[in-house]
Amino acid sequence: MLDRRNRHPDASPTTHDDLVDHLVRSSPLGRGEAARVVLDVLAYFDESAEEFVRRRHRELQSAGLTNPDIFERIGAELPHRAVAPPELSLRQLRRIVYG
């Protein structure tokens, strides 16, 4: 199964096979490569809102942005996630990062 939750790392994929098959047919990827792409994309969108906020804060901070700009940008990015999280205020964003 291509579900990362409760999955042994050596388990073989059993779901999302239709997507893997589509990638194999429509790209130069082999089946193993296509399965890894699907897992990577699913893992990217499996991130919780809190994990996303923390990751983006680190990335933007390392790019030299200041906190006011960082929280403004994260607030604008959140509604565009695959599964839109609840709307968070700038204060809530800060609390996720700093506790």
C-alpha atoms as a PDB file:
ATOM      1  CA  MET A   1       0.000   0.000   0.000  1.00  0.00           C
ATOM      2  CA  LEU A   2       1.356   3.456  -0.833  1.00  0.00           C
ATOM      3  CA  ASP A   3       0.134   4.806   2.476  1.00  0.00           C
ATOM      4  CA  ARG A   4       2.945   5.928   4.741  1.00  0.00           C
ATOM      5  CA  ARG A   5       0.986   5.604   7.974  1.00  0.00           C
ATOM      6  CA  ASN A   6       1.244   2.325   9.868  1.00  0.00           C
ATOM      7  CA  ARG A   7       3.287   0.856   7.055  1.00  0.00           C
ATOM      8  CA  HIS A   8       6.423  -1.192   7.377  1.00  0.00           C
ATOM      9  CA  PRO A   9       9.159   0.399   5.238  1.00  0.00           C
ATOM     10  CA  ASP A  10       9.754  -2.889   3.371  1.00  0.00           C
ATOM     11  CA  ALA A  11       6.068  -3.494   2.623  1.00  0.00           C
ATOM     12  CA  SER A  12       5.160  -3.598  -1.050  1.00  0.00           C
ATOM     13  CA  PRO A  13       2.690  -1.094  -2.511  1.00  0.00           C
ATOM     14  CA  THR A  14      -0.870  -2.357  -3.023  1.00  0.00           C
ATOM     15  CA  THR A  15      -2.962   0.814  -3.409  1.00  0.00           C
ATOM     16  CA  HIS A  16      -2.575   3.740  -5.750  1.00  0.00           C
ATOM     17  CA  ASP A  17      -1.514   1.129  -8.288  1.00  0.00           C
ATOM     18  CA  ASP A  18      -3.706   2.873 -10.856  1.00  0.00           C
ATOM     19  CA  LEU A  19      -1.675   6.059 -10.379  1.00  0.00           C
ATOM     20  CA  VAL A  20       1.606   4.139 -10.579  1.00  0.00           C
ATOM     21  CA  ASP A  21       0.365   2.403 -13.751  1.00  0.00           C
ATOM     22  CA  HIS A  22      -0.600   5.777 -15.245  1.00  0.00           C
ATOM     23  CA  LEU A  23       2.857   7.211 -14.505  1.00  0.00           C
ATOM     24  CA  VAL A  24       4.530   4.164 -16.055  1.00  0.00           C
ATOM     25  CA  ARG A  25       2.389   4.506 -19.213  1.00  0.00           C
ATOM     26  CA  SER A  26       2.723   8.277 -19.521  1.00  0.00           C
ATOM     27  CA  SER A  27       6.363   8.806 -18.557  1.00  0.00           C
ATOM     28  CA  PRO A  28       9.759   7.177 -18.935  1.00  0.00           C
ATOM     29  CA  LEU A  29       9.616   6.057 -15.285  1.00  0.00           C
ATOM     30  CA  GLY A  30       9.833   2.401 -14.382  1.00  0.00           C
ATOM     31  CA  ARG A  31       7.344   0.938 -11.925  1.00  0.00           C
ATOM     32  CA  GLY A  32       9.676   1.247  -8.927  1.00  0.00           C
ATOM     33  CA  GLU A  33      10.537   4.843  -9.777  1.00  0.00           C
ATOM     34  CA  ALA A  34       6.866   5.734 -10.300  1.00  0.00           C
ATOM     35  CA  ALA A  35       5.955   4.191  -6.935  1.00  0.00           C
ATOM     36  CA  ARG A  36       8.683   6.266  -5.241  1.00  0.00           C
ATOM     37  CA  VAL A  37       7.389   9.440  -6.931  1.00  0.00           C
ATOM     38  CA  VAL A  38       3.876   8.708  -5.687  1.00  0.00           C
ATOM     39  CA  LEU A  39       5.192   8.070  -2.161  1.00  0.00           C
ATOM     40  CA  ASP A  40       7.195  11.307  -2.237  1.00  0.00           C
ATOM     41  CA  VAL A  41       4.182  13.345  -3.345  1.00  0.00           C
ATOM     42  CA  LEU A  42       1.905  11.713  -0.777  1.00  0.00           C
ATOM     43  CA  ALA A  43       4.480  12.322   1.972  1.00  0.00           C
ATOM     44  CA  TYR A  44       4.726  15.971   0.943  1.00  0.00           C
ATOM     45  CA  PHE A  45       0.977  16.453   1.291  1.00  0.00           C
ATOM     46  CA  ASP A  46       0.741  14.294   4.426  1.00  0.00           C
ATOM     47  CA  GLU A  47       2.304  17.081   6.469  1.00  0.00           C
ATOM     48  CA  SER A  48       0.068  18.484   9.215  1.00  0.00           C
ATOM     49  CA  ALA A  49      -0.562  22.217   9.367  1.00  0.00           C
ATOM     50  CA  GLU A  50       1.771  22.464  12.371  1.00  0.00           C
ATOM     51  CA  GLU A  51       4.553  20.551  10.591  1.00  0.00           C
ATOM     52  CA  PHE A  52       4.112  22.732   7.498  1.00  0.00           C
ATOM     53  CA  VAL A  53       4.277  25.952   9.557  1.00  0.00           C
ATOM     54  CA  ARG A  54       7.436  24.818  11.367  1.00  0.00           C
ATOM     55  CA  ARG A  55       9.133  23.642   8.157  1.00  0.00           C
ATOM     56  CA  ARG A  56       8.259  26.796   6.208  1.00  0.00           C
ATOM     57  CA  HIS A  57       9.364  28.987   9.126  1.00  0.00           C
ATOM     58  CA  ARG A  58      12.778  27.283   9.150  1.00  0.00           C
ATOM     59  CA  GLU A  59      13.093  27.538   5.358  1.00  0.00           C
ATOM     60  CA  LEU A  60      12.095  31.194   5.175  1.00  0.00           C
ATOM     61  CA  GLN A  61      14.192  32.118   8.196  1.00  0.00           C
ATOM     62  CA  SER A  62      17.245  30.476   6.628  1.00  0.00           C
ATOM     63  CA  ALA A  63      16.511  32.511   3.476  1.00  0.00           C
ATOM     64  CA  GLY A  64      16.893  35.663   5.572  1.00  0.00           C
ATOM     65  CA  LEU A  65      13.259  36.728   5.965  1.00  0.00           C
ATOM     66  CA  THR A  66      12.142  38.347   9.207  1.00  0.00           C
ATOM     67  CA  ASN A  67       9.357  36.893  11.351  1.00  0.00           C
ATOM     68  CA  PRO A  68       6.689  39.445  10.344  1.00  0.00           C
ATOM     69  CA  ASP A  69       7.303  38.617   6.677  1.00  0.00           C
ATOM     70  CA  ILE A  70       7.557  34.894   7.396  1.00  0.00           C
ATOM     71  CA  PHE A  71       4.247  34.686   9.245  1.00  0.00           C
ATOM     72  CA  GLU A  72       2.524  36.803   6.622  1.00  0.00           C
ATOM     73  CA  ARG A  73       3.764  34.483   3.861  1.00  0.00           C
ATOM     74  CA  ILE A  74       2.898  31.288   5.748  1.00  0.00           C
ATOM     75  CA  GLY A  75      -0.580  32.644   6.425  1.00  0.00           C
ATOM     76  CA  ALA A  76      -1.010  33.249   2.697  1.00  0.00           C
ATOM     77  CA  GLU A  77       0.341  29.800   1.740  1.00  0.00           C
ATOM     78  CA  LEU A  78      -1.737  27.706   4.152  1.00  0.00           C
ATOM     79  CA  PRO A  79      -5.088  27.960   2.329  1.00  0.00           C
ATOM     80  CA  HIS A  80      -3.434  26.599  -0.814  1.00  0.00           C
ATOM     81  CA  ARG A  81      -2.332  23.309   0.726  1.00  0.00           C
ATOM     82  CA  ALA A  82      -3.858  20.118  -0.708  1.00  0.00           C
ATOM     83  CA  VAL A  83      -6.056  19.748   2.343  1.00  0.00           C
ATOM     84  CA  ALA A  84      -6.730  23.237   3.577  1.00  0.00           C
ATOM     85  CA  PRO A  85      -6.074  23.477   7.314  1.00  0.00           C
ATOM     86  CA  PRO A  86      -8.128  25.648   9.632  1.00  0.00           C
ATOM     87  CA  GLU A  87      -7.468  29.353   9.272  1.00  0.00           C
ATOM     88  CA  LEU A  88      -4.753  30.343  11.724  1.00  0.00           C
ATOM     89  CA  SER A  89      -4.079  33.847  13.008  1.00  0.00           C
ATOM     90  CA  LEU A  90      -0.545  35.266  13.013  1.00  0.00           C
ATOM     91  CA  ARG A  91      -0.521  34.724  16.783  1.00  0.00           C
ATOM     92  CA  GLN A  92      -1.433  31.051  16.330  1.00  0.00           C
ATOM     93  CA  LEU A  93       1.328  30.676  13.735  1.00  0.00           C
ATOM     94  CA  ARG A  94       3.856  32.122  16.202  1.00  0.00           C
ATOM     95  CA  ARG A  95       2.624  29.788  18.958  1.00  0.00           C
ATOM     96  CA  ILE A  96       3.124  26.749  16.712  1.00  0.00           C
ATOM     97  CA  VAL A  97       6.746  27.763  16.113  1.00  0.00           C
ATOM     98  CA  TYR A  98       7.667  29.002  19.578  1.00  0.00           C
ATOM     99  CA  GLY A  99       5.220  27.099  21.778  1.00  0.00           C
END
